[in-house]
């Protein structure tokens, strides 16, 4: 059996697609003198003018979940980088839950 080579599609991140749409909208706002407007882009996407400029010109990816929701981007969730290793390192709510439910802690 011979395998057929299938060309791969380039992976497009959601942010890249949004940025491309914003750049296209920005280019379409040019008037007779060639002036373009960030205000029209910001009104279209529901963000501020400075944020529209940052995204279009600098490729800045917003960190604020409010802005990410306005652009239909996935939100950012914070995770614990270093899990606790001892009982004393647990947050109070987790420690209380562990004691009330008689949960053993297997920290390393």
N, C-alpha and C. Protein backbone atom coordinates (compact mmCIF):
# COMPACT_ATOMS: atom_id res chain seq x y z
N UNK A 1 0.84 -1.17 0.00
CA UNK A 1 0.00 0.00 0.00
C UNK A 1 0.89 1.25 0.00
N UNK A 2 0.64 2.11 -0.93
CA UNK A 2 1.44 3.31 -1.06
C UNK A 2 0.70 4.49 -0.42
N UNK A 3 1.43 5.26 0.39
CA UNK A 3 0.82 6.41 1.05
C UNK A 3 0.83 7.61 0.11
N UNK A 4 -0.25 8.33 0.16
CA UNK A 4 -0.37 9.52 -0.67
C UNK A 4 0.05 10.74 0.15
N UNK A 5 0.87 11.58 -0.43
CA UNK A 5 1.31 12.79 0.27
C UNK A 5 0.20 13.84 0.23
N UNK A 6 -0.17 14.29 1.41
CA UNK A 6 -1.19 15.32 1.51
C UNK A 6 -0.51 16.59 2.05
N UNK A 7 -0.55 17.68 1.29
CA UNK A 7 0.10 18.90 1.78
C UNK A 7 -0.62 19.42 3.03
N UNK A 8 0.17 19.89 3.97
CA UNK A 8 -0.40 20.40 5.22
C UNK A 8 -0.85 21.84 5.05
N UNK A 9 -1.94 22.15 5.72
CA UNK A 9 -2.38 23.53 5.76
C UNK A 9 -1.60 24.26 6.85
N UNK A 10 -1.30 25.51 6.63
CA UNK A 10 -0.62 26.25 7.70
C UNK A 10 -1.57 26.41 8.89
N UNK A 11 -1.02 26.29 10.08
CA UNK A 11 -1.83 26.44 11.28
C UNK A 11 -2.11 27.92 11.49
N UNK A 12 -3.37 28.27 11.57
CA UNK A 12 -3.76 29.66 11.78
C UNK A 12 -4.34 29.78 13.18
N UNK A 13 -3.74 30.63 13.97
CA UNK A 13 -4.25 30.87 15.30
C UNK A 13 -5.43 31.82 15.21
N UNK A 14 -6.34 31.73 16.17
CA UNK A 14 -7.48 32.66 16.14
C UNK A 14 -7.03 34.12 16.14
N UNK A 15 -5.97 34.44 16.89
CA UNK A 15 -5.51 35.83 16.94
C UNK A 15 -5.03 36.30 15.58
N UNK A 16 -4.32 35.44 14.86
CA UNK A 16 -3.82 35.82 13.53
C UNK A 16 -4.97 36.14 12.58
N UNK A 17 -6.05 35.37 12.67
CA UNK A 17 -7.20 35.61 11.81
C UNK A 17 -7.88 36.93 12.16
N UNK A 18 -8.02 37.21 13.45
CA UNK A 18 -8.63 38.48 13.89
C UNK A 18 -7.76 39.66 13.45
N UNK A 19 -6.45 39.53 13.64
CA UNK A 19 -5.54 40.61 13.26
C UNK A 19 -5.62 40.87 11.76
N UNK A 20 -5.67 39.81 10.96
CA UNK A 20 -5.77 39.97 9.51
C UNK A 20 -7.06 40.69 9.14
N UNK A 21 -8.17 40.31 9.79
CA UNK A 21 -9.45 40.99 9.51
C UNK A 21 -9.38 42.46 9.89
N UNK A 22 -8.71 42.77 11.01
CA UNK A 22 -8.58 44.17 11.43
C UNK A 22 -7.72 44.94 10.44
N UNK A 23 -6.65 44.33 9.95
CA UNK A 23 -5.79 45.00 8.97
C UNK A 23 -6.53 45.25 7.67
N UNK A 24 -7.36 44.30 7.25
CA UNK A 24 -8.14 44.48 6.03
C UNK A 24 -9.15 45.61 6.21
N UNK A 25 -9.78 45.64 7.37
CA UNK A 25 -10.76 46.71 7.65
C UNK A 25 -10.07 48.06 7.69
N UNK A 26 -8.87 48.11 8.29
CA UNK A 26 -8.10 49.35 8.37
C UNK A 26 -7.72 49.84 6.97
N UNK A 27 -7.31 48.93 6.11
CA UNK A 27 -6.94 49.30 4.75
C UNK A 27 -8.16 49.79 3.97
N UNK A 28 -9.34 49.25 4.29
CA UNK A 28 -10.56 49.64 3.57
C UNK A 28 -11.09 51.00 4.02
N UNK A 29 -10.57 51.54 5.12
CA UNK A 29 -11.08 52.83 5.61
C UNK A 29 -10.39 54.02 4.97
N UNK A 30 -9.50 53.80 4.05
CA UNK A 30 -8.76 54.91 3.44
C UNK A 30 -9.70 55.84 2.68
N UNK A 31 -9.51 57.14 2.90
CA UNK A 31 -10.33 58.12 2.17
C UNK A 31 -9.57 58.55 0.90
N UNK A 32 -10.03 59.62 0.26
CA UNK A 32 -9.43 60.07 -1.01
C UNK A 32 -7.96 60.47 -0.86
N UNK A 33 -7.59 60.97 0.33
CA UNK A 33 -6.21 61.42 0.54
C UNK A 33 -5.30 60.29 1.04
N UNK A 34 -5.85 59.10 1.23
CA UNK A 34 -5.05 57.98 1.72
C UNK A 34 -5.01 57.87 3.23
N UNK A 35 -5.77 58.75 3.92
CA UNK A 35 -5.80 58.68 5.39
C UNK A 35 -6.66 57.51 5.83
N UNK A 36 -6.18 56.78 6.83
CA UNK A 36 -6.91 55.63 7.34
C UNK A 36 -7.36 55.92 8.77
N UNK A 37 -8.36 55.17 9.23
CA UNK A 37 -8.95 55.49 10.53
C UNK A 37 -8.96 54.28 11.46
N UNK A 38 -8.30 54.45 12.62
CA UNK A 38 -8.38 53.42 13.66
C UNK A 38 -9.73 53.48 14.36
N UNK A 39 -10.38 54.64 14.34
CA UNK A 39 -11.67 54.80 15.01
C UNK A 39 -12.72 53.88 14.41
N UNK A 40 -12.75 53.78 13.09
CA UNK A 40 -13.72 52.91 12.43
C UNK A 40 -13.45 51.45 12.78
N UNK A 41 -12.19 51.07 12.81
CA UNK A 41 -11.83 49.69 13.17
C UNK A 41 -12.22 49.41 14.61
N UNK A 42 -11.92 50.36 15.51
CA UNK A 42 -12.23 50.15 16.92
C UNK A 42 -13.73 50.07 17.16
N UNK A 43 -14.50 50.87 16.44
CA UNK A 43 -15.96 50.80 16.57
C UNK A 43 -16.50 49.47 16.03
N UNK A 44 -15.91 48.99 14.95
CA UNK A 44 -16.35 47.73 14.36
C UNK A 44 -16.12 46.55 15.29
N UNK A 45 -14.96 46.52 15.94
CA UNK A 45 -14.60 45.38 16.78
C UNK A 45 -14.91 45.58 18.26
N UNK A 46 -15.34 46.77 18.65
CA UNK A 46 -15.73 47.02 20.04
C UNK A 46 -14.57 47.15 21.00
N UNK A 47 -13.46 47.73 20.53
CA UNK A 47 -12.30 47.95 21.40
C UNK A 47 -11.89 49.41 21.27
N UNK A 48 -10.90 49.84 22.06
CA UNK A 48 -10.44 51.23 22.02
C UNK A 48 -9.53 51.46 20.81
N UNK A 49 -9.38 52.74 20.43
CA UNK A 49 -8.51 53.08 19.30
C UNK A 49 -7.06 52.71 19.56
N UNK A 50 -6.52 53.00 20.77
CA UNK A 50 -5.12 52.61 20.99
C UNK A 50 -4.91 51.09 20.92
N UNK A 51 -5.88 50.32 21.39
CA UNK A 51 -5.75 48.87 21.33
C UNK A 51 -5.81 48.39 19.88
N UNK A 52 -6.66 49.01 19.07
CA UNK A 52 -6.74 48.65 17.65
C UNK A 52 -5.40 48.92 16.97
N UNK A 53 -4.77 50.07 17.28
CA UNK A 53 -3.48 50.39 16.70
C UNK A 53 -2.41 49.39 17.13
N UNK A 54 -2.41 49.03 18.42
CA UNK A 54 -1.42 48.06 18.92
C UNK A 54 -1.55 46.72 18.21
N UNK A 55 -2.78 46.28 18.01
CA UNK A 55 -3.00 44.98 17.37
C UNK A 55 -2.61 45.03 15.90
N UNK A 56 -3.04 46.08 15.20
CA UNK A 56 -2.80 46.18 13.75
C UNK A 56 -1.32 46.40 13.45
N UNK A 57 -0.70 47.36 14.10
CA UNK A 57 0.68 47.73 13.77
C UNK A 57 1.72 46.84 14.44
N UNK A 58 1.54 46.56 15.75
CA UNK A 58 2.58 45.87 16.51
C UNK A 58 2.33 44.38 16.70
N UNK A 59 1.13 43.92 16.36
CA UNK A 59 0.83 42.51 16.56
C UNK A 59 0.64 42.13 18.02
N UNK A 60 0.27 43.12 18.84
CA UNK A 60 0.08 42.90 20.27
C UNK A 60 -1.14 42.02 20.50
N UNK A 61 -0.96 40.94 21.26
CA UNK A 61 -2.09 40.07 21.59
C UNK A 61 -2.62 40.48 22.96
N UNK A 62 -3.88 40.90 23.04
CA UNK A 62 -4.42 41.40 24.31
C UNK A 62 -4.40 40.34 25.40
N UNK A 63 -4.07 40.77 26.62
CA UNK A 63 -4.04 39.86 27.76
C UNK A 63 -5.33 39.95 28.57
N UNK A 64 -6.02 41.07 28.47
CA UNK A 64 -7.25 41.28 29.23
C UNK A 64 -8.37 40.39 28.67
N UNK A 65 -9.04 39.66 29.55
CA UNK A 65 -10.11 38.78 29.10
C UNK A 65 -11.30 39.56 28.56
N UNK A 66 -11.52 40.79 29.04
CA UNK A 66 -12.62 41.60 28.52
C UNK A 66 -12.38 41.93 27.04
N UNK A 67 -11.16 42.30 26.71
CA UNK A 67 -10.83 42.61 25.31
C UNK A 67 -10.86 41.34 24.48
N UNK A 68 -10.36 40.24 25.03
CA UNK A 68 -10.35 38.98 24.30
C UNK A 68 -11.77 38.52 23.99
N UNK A 69 -12.70 38.72 24.93
CA UNK A 69 -14.11 38.37 24.68
C UNK A 69 -14.70 39.25 23.58
N UNK A 70 -14.34 40.54 23.58
CA UNK A 70 -14.86 41.44 22.54
C UNK A 70 -14.38 41.01 21.15
N UNK A 71 -13.20 40.41 21.08
CA UNK A 71 -12.64 39.98 19.80
C UNK A 71 -12.93 38.51 19.50
N UNK A 72 -13.72 37.86 20.34
CA UNK A 72 -14.03 36.43 20.20
C UNK A 72 -12.79 35.55 20.24
N UNK A 73 -11.84 35.92 21.08
CA UNK A 73 -10.64 35.11 21.30
C UNK A 73 -10.85 34.27 22.54
N UNK A 74 -10.18 33.14 22.65
CA UNK A 74 -10.29 32.35 23.88
C UNK A 74 -9.71 33.12 25.07
N UNK A 75 -10.36 32.98 26.23
CA UNK A 75 -9.88 33.69 27.41
C UNK A 75 -8.66 32.99 27.98
N UNK A 76 -7.91 33.73 28.77
CA UNK A 76 -6.70 33.22 29.39
C UNK A 76 -7.03 32.82 30.82
N UNK A 77 -6.65 31.61 31.19
CA UNK A 77 -6.87 31.14 32.55
C UNK A 77 -5.53 31.02 33.24
N UNK A 78 -5.49 31.46 34.48
CA UNK A 78 -4.26 31.34 35.26
C UNK A 78 -4.22 29.97 35.91
N UNK A 79 -3.06 29.37 35.88
CA UNK A 79 -2.87 28.08 36.53
C UNK A 79 -1.70 28.19 37.49
N UNK A 80 -1.70 27.33 38.47
CA UNK A 80 -0.63 27.34 39.45
C UNK A 80 0.61 26.72 38.83
N UNK A 81 1.69 27.49 38.75
CA UNK A 81 2.91 27.00 38.12
C UNK A 81 3.63 25.99 39.00
N UNK A 82 3.70 26.26 40.28
CA UNK A 82 4.37 25.34 41.20
C UNK A 82 3.35 24.82 42.20
N UNK A 83 2.92 23.59 42.05
CA UNK A 83 1.93 23.06 42.99
C UNK A 83 2.51 22.99 44.40
N UNK A 84 1.66 23.13 45.41
CA UNK A 84 2.17 23.10 46.78
C UNK A 84 2.77 21.73 47.11
N UNK A 85 3.80 21.76 47.93
CA UNK A 85 4.48 20.52 48.29
C UNK A 85 4.23 20.12 49.74
N UNK A 86 3.72 21.02 50.55
CA UNK A 86 3.46 20.71 51.95
C UNK A 86 2.08 21.24 52.33
N UNK A 87 1.54 20.72 53.41
CA UNK A 87 0.24 21.18 53.89
C UNK A 87 0.23 22.68 54.10
N UNK A 88 1.31 23.21 54.64
CA UNK A 88 1.34 24.65 54.97
C UNK A 88 1.31 25.52 53.71
N UNK A 89 1.63 24.94 52.54
CA UNK A 89 1.64 25.71 51.29
C UNK A 89 0.27 25.79 50.62
N UNK A 90 -0.68 25.00 51.11
CA UNK A 90 -2.01 25.00 50.49
C UNK A 90 -2.75 26.29 50.84
N UNK A 91 -3.57 26.81 49.92
CA UNK A 91 -4.44 27.93 50.25
C UNK A 91 -5.42 27.50 51.35
N UNK A 92 -5.89 28.46 52.13
CA UNK A 92 -6.73 28.17 53.28
C UNK A 92 -7.99 27.39 52.88
N UNK A 93 -8.62 27.77 51.78
CA UNK A 93 -9.86 27.09 51.37
C UNK A 93 -9.59 25.62 51.05
N UNK A 94 -8.50 25.33 50.35
CA UNK A 94 -8.18 23.94 50.03
C UNK A 94 -7.80 23.16 51.28
N UNK A 95 -7.07 23.80 52.20
CA UNK A 95 -6.70 23.14 53.44
C UNK A 95 -7.93 22.80 54.26
N UNK A 96 -8.85 23.74 54.36
CA UNK A 96 -10.09 23.50 55.10
C UNK A 96 -10.87 22.33 54.49
N UNK A 97 -10.98 22.34 53.14
CA UNK A 97 -11.71 21.27 52.46
C UNK A 97 -11.05 19.92 52.73
N UNK A 98 -9.71 19.88 52.68
CA UNK A 98 -8.99 18.62 52.90
C UNK A 98 -9.20 18.10 54.31
N UNK A 99 -9.21 19.00 55.28
CA UNK A 99 -9.41 18.58 56.67
C UNK A 99 -10.84 18.10 56.89
N UNK A 100 -11.81 18.86 56.37
CA UNK A 100 -13.21 18.48 56.55
C UNK A 100 -13.55 17.16 55.86
N UNK A 101 -12.93 16.89 54.73
CA UNK A 101 -13.21 15.67 53.98
C UNK A 101 -12.21 14.55 54.26
N UNK A 102 -11.34 14.78 55.22
CA UNK A 102 -10.34 13.78 55.62
C UNK A 102 -9.54 13.28 54.43
N UNK A 103 -9.10 14.21 53.63
CA UNK A 103 -8.35 13.89 52.42
C UNK A 103 -6.86 13.84 52.76
N UNK A 104 -6.18 12.79 52.32
CA UNK A 104 -4.73 12.69 52.50
C UNK A 104 -4.04 13.54 51.45
N UNK A 105 -2.96 14.19 51.83
CA UNK A 105 -2.21 15.02 50.90
C UNK A 105 -0.93 14.28 50.53
N UNK A 106 -0.72 14.06 49.28
CA UNK A 106 0.45 13.32 48.80
C UNK A 106 1.44 14.25 48.11
N UNK A 107 1.88 15.28 48.81
CA UNK A 107 2.85 16.20 48.24
C UNK A 107 4.22 15.56 48.13
N UNK A 108 4.99 15.99 47.16
CA UNK A 108 6.31 15.39 46.96
C UNK A 108 7.38 16.36 47.31
